[in-house]
Amino acid sequence: MDTRSSAEKYKALIKLTEGDFKAFLYDCDGTLADNMGAHKESYIRVAADEGVVIEGDIIDEFAGLPTINVIGEINKRYNTTFDPAGFAARKHDVFVNEYIDKTRPIDYVVNHLINHAGKVKIGVVSGGGRTSVEKTLHVLGIDHLVEVLVCAGETPHGKPYADPFLAAAKQLGVEPRQCLVFEDGEPGVQAAEAAGMQWVRIDKV
């Protein structure tokens, strides 16, 4: 169990992010927002409505993938035939209507973003849909600091492909090698590496 304080983690994160970076690109869910439990509950609720019991672990396993892809993985694992688009829409509604206003910040990462806004360019690159990501950033009080937002379905491929990070770098006018990515999941790390960007796993700080 990690017993370090948020202030200690913040100091460790600052150390890891020293260097000549021109842009910081943050994942949203599980990186800035402490809401993975709520996302899990949303998936479990929608599956239960269809009479299927799923374990939350599969959501952790595929953290960072676009929702539609996670549903594809659920179908494979559970031998179900959920319609990915329909399931994603219902999951989105449950999350936005019942959970999003309770979103808490992951303090040391949110503070890192706040304290670097205006010094480097700030982007958020998420596997979530734009509506829920915008609302989440608003609830966290940092939406006005984010210069570029790239969400699920806005690039030809999502994470673990490079496309979302490359799109954010291009919109910010920054070379990929000058971007540092903040992630909490393996698909995001793979996407950052594919884009030629350095990365930090915030859950391993």
C-alpha atoms as a PDB file:
ATOM      1  CA  MET A   1       0.000   0.000   0.000  1.00  0.00           C
ATOM      2  CA  ASP A   2       1.409   3.394  -1.004  1.00  0.00           C
ATOM      3  CA  THR A   3       1.388   5.576   2.109  1.00  0.00           C
ATOM      4  CA  ARG A   4       3.173   8.623   0.695  1.00  0.00           C
ATOM      5  CA  SER A   5       1.367  11.948   0.860  1.00  0.00           C
ATOM      6  CA  SER A   6       0.145  13.844  -2.177  1.00  0.00           C
ATOM      7  CA  ALA A   7       2.897  16.439  -1.527  1.00  0.00           C
ATOM      8  CA  GLU A   8       5.586  13.729  -1.641  1.00  0.00           C
ATOM      9  CA  LYS A   9       4.189  12.335  -4.871  1.00  0.00           C
ATOM     10  CA  TYR A  10       4.063  15.847  -6.314  1.00  0.00           C
ATOM     11  CA  LYS A  11       7.762  16.359  -5.531  1.00  0.00           C
ATOM     12  CA  ALA A  12       8.608  13.020  -7.157  1.00  0.00           C
ATOM     13  CA  LEU A  13       6.548  13.960 -10.227  1.00  0.00           C
ATOM     14  CA  ILE A  14       8.301  17.343 -10.540  1.00  0.00           C
ATOM     15  CA  LYS A  15      11.668  15.555 -10.506  1.00  0.00           C
ATOM     16  CA  LEU A  16      10.552  13.154 -13.252  1.00  0.00           C
ATOM     17  CA  THR A  17       9.347  15.989 -15.477  1.00  0.00           C
ATOM     18  CA  GLU A  18      12.475  18.132 -15.508  1.00  0.00           C
ATOM     19  CA  GLY A  19      13.854  18.660 -18.989  1.00  0.00           C
ATOM     20  CA  ASP A  20      13.401  20.711 -22.102  1.00  0.00           C
ATOM     21  CA  PHE A  21       9.744  19.890 -22.732  1.00  0.00           C
ATOM     22  CA  LYS A  22       7.469  22.266 -24.606  1.00  0.00           C
ATOM     23  CA  ALA A  23       4.180  20.422 -23.955  1.00  0.00           C
ATOM     24  CA  PHE A  24       2.675  18.207 -21.269  1.00  0.00           C
ATOM     25  CA  LEU A  25      -0.055  15.816 -22.457  1.00  0.00           C
ATOM     26  CA  TYR A  26      -2.226  14.327 -19.708  1.00  0.00           C
ATOM     27  CA  ASP A  27      -4.632  11.415 -19.868  1.00  0.00           C
ATOM     28  CA  CYS A  28      -7.880  12.257 -18.050  1.00  0.00           C
ATOM     29  CA  ASP A  29      -9.573   9.300 -16.323  1.00  0.00           C
ATOM     30  CA  GLY A  30      -7.313   7.725 -13.713  1.00  0.00           C
ATOM     31  CA  THR A  31      -4.579  10.319 -14.329  1.00  0.00           C
ATOM     32  CA  LEU A  32      -6.144  13.718 -13.564  1.00  0.00           C
ATOM     33  CA  ALA A  33      -9.492  12.393 -12.344  1.00  0.00           C
ATOM     34  CA  ASP A  34      -9.904   9.860  -9.552  1.00  0.00           C
ATOM     35  CA  ASN A  35     -12.897   8.292 -11.284  1.00  0.00           C
ATOM     36  CA  MET A  36     -11.909   4.801 -12.457  1.00  0.00           C
ATOM     37  CA  GLY A  37     -14.133   3.275  -9.761  1.00  0.00           C
ATOM     38  CA  ALA A  38     -17.093   5.234 -11.139  1.00  0.00           C
ATOM     39  CA  HIS A  39     -16.281   4.157 -14.701  1.00  0.00           C
ATOM     40  CA  LYS A  40     -16.122   0.528 -13.556  1.00  0.00           C
ATOM     41  CA  GLU A  41     -19.491   0.825 -11.807  1.00  0.00           C
ATOM     42  CA  SER A  42     -20.987   2.290 -15.007  1.00  0.00           C
ATOM     43  CA  TYR A  43     -19.802  -0.655 -17.121  1.00  0.00           C
ATOM     44  CA  ILE A  44     -20.988  -3.169 -14.501  1.00  0.00           C
ATOM     45  CA  ARG A  45     -24.420  -1.482 -14.242  1.00  0.00           C
ATOM     46  CA  VAL A  46     -25.066  -1.502 -18.005  1.00  0.00           C
ATOM     47  CA  ALA A  47     -23.951  -5.135 -18.328  1.00  0.00           C
ATOM     48  CA  ALA A  48     -26.181  -6.084 -15.353  1.00  0.00           C
ATOM     49  CA  ASP A  49     -29.149  -4.422 -17.071  1.00  0.00           C
ATOM     50  CA  GLU A  50     -28.563  -6.932 -19.879  1.00  0.00           C
ATOM     51  CA  GLY A  51     -28.384  -9.803 -17.383  1.00  0.00           C
ATOM     52  CA  VAL A  52     -24.587 -10.202 -17.551  1.00  0.00           C
ATOM     53  CA  VAL A  53     -22.289 -10.035 -14.513  1.00  0.00           C
ATOM     54  CA  ILE A  54     -18.825  -8.674 -15.339  1.00  0.00           C
ATOM     55  CA  GLU A  55     -15.838  -8.153 -13.054  1.00  0.00           C
ATOM     56  CA  GLY A  56     -14.364  -4.666 -12.713  1.00  0.00           C
ATOM     57  CA  ASP A  57     -10.830  -6.025 -13.258  1.00  0.00           C
ATOM     58  CA  ILE A  58     -11.328  -6.104 -17.023  1.00  0.00           C
ATOM     59  CA  ILE A  59     -11.840  -2.312 -16.975  1.00  0.00           C
ATOM     60  CA  ASP A  60      -8.479  -1.861 -15.195  1.00  0.00           C
ATOM     61  CA  GLU A  61      -6.842  -4.216 -17.661  1.00  0.00           C
ATOM     62  CA  PHE A  62      -7.908  -2.169 -20.659  1.00  0.00           C
ATOM     63  CA  ALA A  63      -7.709   1.292 -19.026  1.00  0.00           C
ATOM     64  CA  GLY A  64      -6.978   3.908 -21.653  1.00  0.00           C
ATOM     65  CA  LEU A  65      -8.644   2.148 -24.568  1.00  0.00           C
ATOM     66  CA  PRO A  66     -11.648   3.882 -26.142  1.00  0.00           C
ATOM     67  CA  THR A  67     -14.889   2.676 -24.504  1.00  0.00           C
ATOM     68  CA  ILE A  68     -16.038   0.920 -27.695  1.00  0.00           C
ATOM     69  CA  ASN A  69     -12.817  -1.143 -27.732  1.00  0.00           C
ATOM     70  CA  VAL A  70     -13.227  -2.073 -24.056  1.00  0.00           C
ATOM     71  CA  ILE A  71     -16.713  -3.402 -24.882  1.00  0.00           C
ATOM     72  CA  GLY A  72     -15.154  -5.445 -27.700  1.00  0.00           C
ATOM     73  CA  GLU A  73     -12.788  -6.984 -25.119  1.00  0.00           C
ATOM     74  CA  ILE A  74     -15.737  -7.668 -22.770  1.00  0.00           C
ATOM     75  CA  ASN A  75     -17.517  -9.468 -25.622  1.00  0.00           C
ATOM     76  CA  LYS A  76     -14.434 -11.649 -26.198  1.00  0.00           C
ATOM     77  CA  ARG A  77     -13.872 -12.426 -22.511  1.00  0.00           C
ATOM     78  CA  TYR A  78     -17.506 -13.073 -21.602  1.00  0.00           C
ATOM     79  CA  ASN A  79     -18.685 -14.459 -24.936  1.00  0.00           C
ATOM     80  CA  THR A  80     -21.329 -11.699 -25.045  1.00  0.00           C
ATOM     81  CA  THR A  81     -22.766  -9.880 -28.043  1.00  0.00           C
ATOM     82  CA  PHE A  82     -23.111  -6.344 -26.699  1.00  0.00           C
ATOM     83  CA  ASP A  83     -23.482  -3.725 -29.426  1.00  0.00           C
ATOM     84  CA  PRO A  84     -20.405  -1.566 -28.686  1.00  0.00           C
ATOM     85  CA  ALA A  85     -21.972   1.735 -29.790  1.00  0.00           C
ATOM     86  CA  GLY A  86     -25.243   1.154 -27.919  1.00  0.00           C
ATOM     87  CA  PHE A  87     -23.479  -0.061 -24.767  1.00  0.00           C
ATOM     88  CA  ALA A  88     -21.058   2.895 -24.892  1.00  0.00           C
ATOM     89  CA  ALA A  89     -23.968   5.359 -25.173  1.00  0.00           C
ATOM     90  CA  ARG A  90     -25.786   3.829 -22.172  1.00  0.00           C
ATOM     91  CA  LYS A  91     -22.570   3.646 -20.149  1.00  0.00           C
ATOM     92  CA  HIS A  92     -21.884   7.313 -20.953  1.00  0.00           C
ATOM     93  CA  ASP A  93     -25.396   8.304 -19.754  1.00  0.00           C
ATOM     94  CA  VAL A  94     -25.033   6.403 -16.453  1.00  0.00           C
ATOM     95  CA  PHE A  95     -21.594   7.909 -15.828  1.00  0.00           C
ATOM     96  CA  VAL A  96     -22.569  11.504 -16.671  1.00  0.00           C
ATOM     97  CA  ASN A  97     -25.913  11.451 -14.874  1.00  0.00           C
ATOM     98  CA  GLU A  98     -24.897   9.630 -11.705  1.00  0.00           C
ATOM     99  CA  TYR A  99     -21.166   9.877 -11.141  1.00  0.00           C
ATOM    100  CA  ILE A 100     -19.423  12.750 -12.890  1.00  0.00           C
ATOM    101  CA  ASP A 101     -20.301  15.490 -10.392  1.00  0.00           C
ATOM    102  CA  LYS A 102     -18.645  13.423  -7.638  1.00  0.00           C
ATOM    103  CA  THR A 103     -15.316  13.285  -9.513  1.00  0.00           C
ATOM    104  CA  ARG A 104     -12.327  13.966  -7.266  1.00  0.00           C
ATOM    105  CA  PRO A 105      -8.926  15.187  -8.483  1.00  0.00           C
ATOM    106  CA  ILE A 106      -5.756  13.125  -8.303  1.00  0.00           C
ATOM    107  CA  ASP A 107      -4.215  16.043  -6.440  1.00  0.00           C
ATOM    108  CA  TYR A 108      -0.536  15.726  -7.277  1.00  0.00           C
ATOM    109  CA  VAL A 109      -1.230  15.417 -11.024  1.00  0.00           C
ATOM    110  CA  VAL A 110      -3.860  18.189 -11.145  1.00  0.00           C
ATOM    111  CA  ASN A 111      -1.510  20.480  -9.185  1.00  0.00           C
ATOM    112  CA  HIS A 112       1.286  19.621 -11.601  1.00  0.00           C
ATOM    113  CA  LEU A 113      -0.916  20.709 -14.530  1.00  0.00           C
ATOM    114  CA  ILE A 114      -2.023  23.919 -12.765  1.00  0.00           C
ATOM    115  CA  ASN A 115       1.536  24.892 -11.868  1.00  0.00           C
ATOM    116  CA  HIS A 116       2.845  24.360 -15.411  1.00  0.00           C
ATOM    117  CA  ALA A 117       0.020  26.084 -17.297  1.00  0.00           C
ATOM    118  CA  GLY A 118       1.489  29.116 -19.056  1.00  0.00           C
ATOM    119  CA  LYS A 119       5.032  27.678 -18.817  1.00  0.00           C
ATOM    120  CA  VAL A 120       4.518  24.784 -21.232  1.00  0.00           C
ATOM    121  CA  LYS A 121       1.610  23.985 -23.540  1.00  0.00           C
ATOM    122  CA  ILE A 122      -1.074  21.801 -21.958  1.00  0.00           C
ATOM    123  CA  GLY A 123      -3.085  19.101 -23.712  1.00  0.00           C
ATOM    124  CA  VAL A 124      -5.441  16.353 -22.551  1.00  0.00           C
ATOM    125  CA  VAL A 125      -5.556  13.144 -24.599  1.00  0.00           C
ATOM    126  CA  SER A 126      -8.296  10.754 -23.498  1.00  0.00           C
ATOM    127  CA  GLY A 127      -9.913   7.490 -24.544  1.00  0.00           C
ATOM    128  CA  GLY A 128     -13.205   8.916 -23.242  1.00  0.00           C
ATOM    129  CA  GLY A 129     -15.877  10.785 -25.212  1.00  0.00           C
ATOM    130  CA  ARG A 130     -15.533  14.566 -25.516  1.00  0.00           C
ATOM    131  CA  THR A 131     -18.716  15.430 -23.577  1.00  0.00           C
ATOM    132  CA  SER A 132     -17.749  13.488 -20.460  1.00  0.00           C
ATOM    133  CA  VAL A 133     -14.085  14.547 -20.612  1.00  0.00           C
ATOM    134  CA  GLU A 134     -15.038  18.247 -20.937  1.00  0.00           C
ATOM    135  CA  LYS A 135     -17.456  17.908 -18.000  1.00  0.00           C
ATOM    136  CA  THR A 136     -14.805  16.083 -15.926  1.00  0.00           C
ATOM    137  CA  LEU A 137     -12.219  18.810 -16.565  1.00  0.00           C
ATOM    138  CA  HIS A 138     -14.861  21.414 -15.638  1.00  0.00           C
ATOM    139  CA  VAL A 139     -15.693  19.609 -12.362  1.00  0.00           C
ATOM    140  CA  LEU A 140     -11.937  19.496 -11.595  1.00  0.00           C
ATOM    141  CA  GLY A 141     -11.737  23.253 -12.313  1.00  0.00           C
ATOM    142  CA  ILE A 142      -8.983  22.981 -14.938  1.00  0.00           C
ATOM    143  CA  ASP A 143     -10.889  23.125 -18.238  1.00  0.00           C
ATOM    144  CA  HIS A 144      -9.741  26.725 -18.851  1.00  0.00           C
ATOM    145  CA  LEU A 145      -6.068  25.652 -18.644  1.00  0.00           C
ATOM    146  CA  VAL A 146      -6.283  22.958 -21.330  1.00  0.00           C
ATOM    147  CA  GLU A 147      -5.251  24.300 -24.734  1.00  0.00           C
ATOM    148  CA  VAL A 148      -5.966  21.157 -26.770  1.00  0.00           C
ATOM    149  CA  LEU A 149      -8.290  18.236 -26.099  1.00  0.00           C
ATOM    150  CA  VAL A 150      -8.217  15.024 -28.164  1.00  0.00           C
ATOM    151  CA  CYS A 151     -10.878  12.424 -27.333  1.00  0.00           C
ATOM    152  CA  ALA A 152     -12.137   9.008 -28.477  1.00  0.00           C
ATOM    153  CA  GLY A 153     -13.202   8.822 -32.114  1.00  0.00           C
ATOM    154  CA  GLU A 154     -11.432  12.049 -33.130  1.00  0.00           C
ATOM    155  CA  THR A 155      -8.430  10.344 -34.768  1.00  0.00           C
ATOM    156  CA  PRO A 156      -8.267   7.357 -37.171  1.00  0.00           C
ATOM    157  CA  HIS A 157      -7.071   5.126 -34.309  1.00  0.00           C
ATOM    158  CA  GLY A 158      -7.196   5.539 -30.536  1.00  0.00           C
ATOM    159  CA  LYS A 159      -4.679   4.399 -27.939  1.00  0.00           C
ATOM    160  CA  PRO A 160      -2.527   2.206 -28.074  1.00  0.00           C
ATOM    161  CA  TYR A 161      -1.866   3.794 -31.500  1.00  0.00           C
ATOM    162  CA  ALA A 162       0.113   7.014 -31.732  1.00  0.00           C
ATOM    163  CA  ASP A 163      -2.641   8.992 -33.508  1.00  0.00           C
ATOM    164  CA  PRO A 164      -4.219  10.853 -30.533  1.00  0.00           C
ATOM    165  CA  PHE A 165      -0.869  12.054 -29.158  1.00  0.00           C
ATOM    166  CA  LEU A 166       0.428  13.050 -32.585  1.00  0.00           C
ATOM    167  CA  ALA A 167      -2.814  14.977 -33.220  1.00  0.00           C
ATOM    168  CA  ALA A 168      -2.414  16.860 -29.911  1.00  0.00           C
ATOM    169  CA  ALA A 169       1.243  17.704 -30.656  1.00  0.00           C
ATOM    170  CA  LYS A 170       0.332  18.948 -34.129  1.00  0.00           C
ATOM    171  CA  GLN A 171      -2.500  21.144 -32.809  1.00  0.00           C
ATOM    172  CA  LEU A 172      -0.150  22.588 -30.182  1.00  0.00           C
ATOM    173  CA  GLY A 173       2.603  23.147 -32.766  1.00  0.00           C
ATOM    174  CA  VAL A 174       5.123  21.096 -30.770  1.00  0.00           C
ATOM    175  CA  GLU A 175       7.444  18.328 -31.998  1.00  0.00           C
ATOM    176  CA  PRO A 176       6.582  14.887 -30.518  1.00  0.00           C
ATOM    177  CA  ARG A 177      10.048  14.598 -28.913  1.00  0.00           C
ATOM    178  CA  GLN A 178       9.338  17.804 -26.980  1.00  0.00           C
ATOM    179  CA  CYS A 179       6.137  16.368 -25.438  1.00  0.00           C
ATOM    180  CA  LEU A 180       5.899  14.528 -22.135  1.00  0.00           C
ATOM    181  CA  VAL A 181       2.916  12.224 -21.584  1.00  0.00           C
ATOM    182  CA  PHE A 182       1.232  11.458 -18.232  1.00  0.00           C
ATOM    183  CA  GLU A 183      -0.617   8.136 -18.116  1.00  0.00           C
ATOM    184  CA  ASP A 184      -1.974   5.495 -15.759  1.00  0.00           C
ATOM    185  CA  GLY A 185      -2.378   2.586 -18.188  1.00  0.00           C
ATOM    186  CA  GLU A 186      -0.381   0.434 -20.567  1.00  0.00           C
ATOM    187  CA  PRO A 187      -2.306   1.374 -23.768  1.00  0.00           C
ATOM    188  CA  GLY A 188      -1.460   5.043 -23.137  1.00  0.00           C
ATOM    189  CA  VAL A 189       2.219   4.256 -22.609  1.00  0.00           C
ATOM    190  CA  GLN A 190       2.297   2.219 -25.832  1.00  0.00           C
ATOM    191  CA  ALA A 191       0.656   5.128 -27.670  1.00  0.00           C
ATOM    192  CA  ALA A 192       3.188   7.621 -26.256  1.00  0.00           C
ATOM    193  CA  GLU A 193       6.121   5.401 -27.290  1.00  0.00           C
ATOM    194  CA  ALA A 194       4.636   4.906 -30.757  1.00  0.00           C
ATOM    195  CA  ALA A 195       4.404   8.708 -31.050  1.00  0.00           C
ATOM    196  CA  GLY A 196       8.083   9.109 -30.094  1.00  0.00           C
ATOM    197  CA  MET A 197       7.242  10.805 -26.798  1.00  0.00           C
ATOM    198  CA  GLN A 198       8.638  10.318 -23.300  1.00  0.00           C
ATOM    199  CA  TRP A 199       6.140   9.331 -20.616  1.00  0.00           C
ATOM    200  CA  VAL A 200       5.469   9.066 -16.890  1.00  0.00           C
ATOM    201  CA  ARG A 201       3.208   6.459 -15.262  1.00  0.00           C
ATOM    202  CA  ILE A 202       1.560   8.540 -12.547  1.00  0.00           C
ATOM    203  CA  ASP A 203       0.504   5.437 -10.623  1.00  0.00           C
ATOM    204  CA  LYS A 204       4.157   4.377 -10.339  1.00  0.00           C
ATOM    205  CA  VAL A 205       5.519   7.764  -9.171  1.00  0.00           C
END
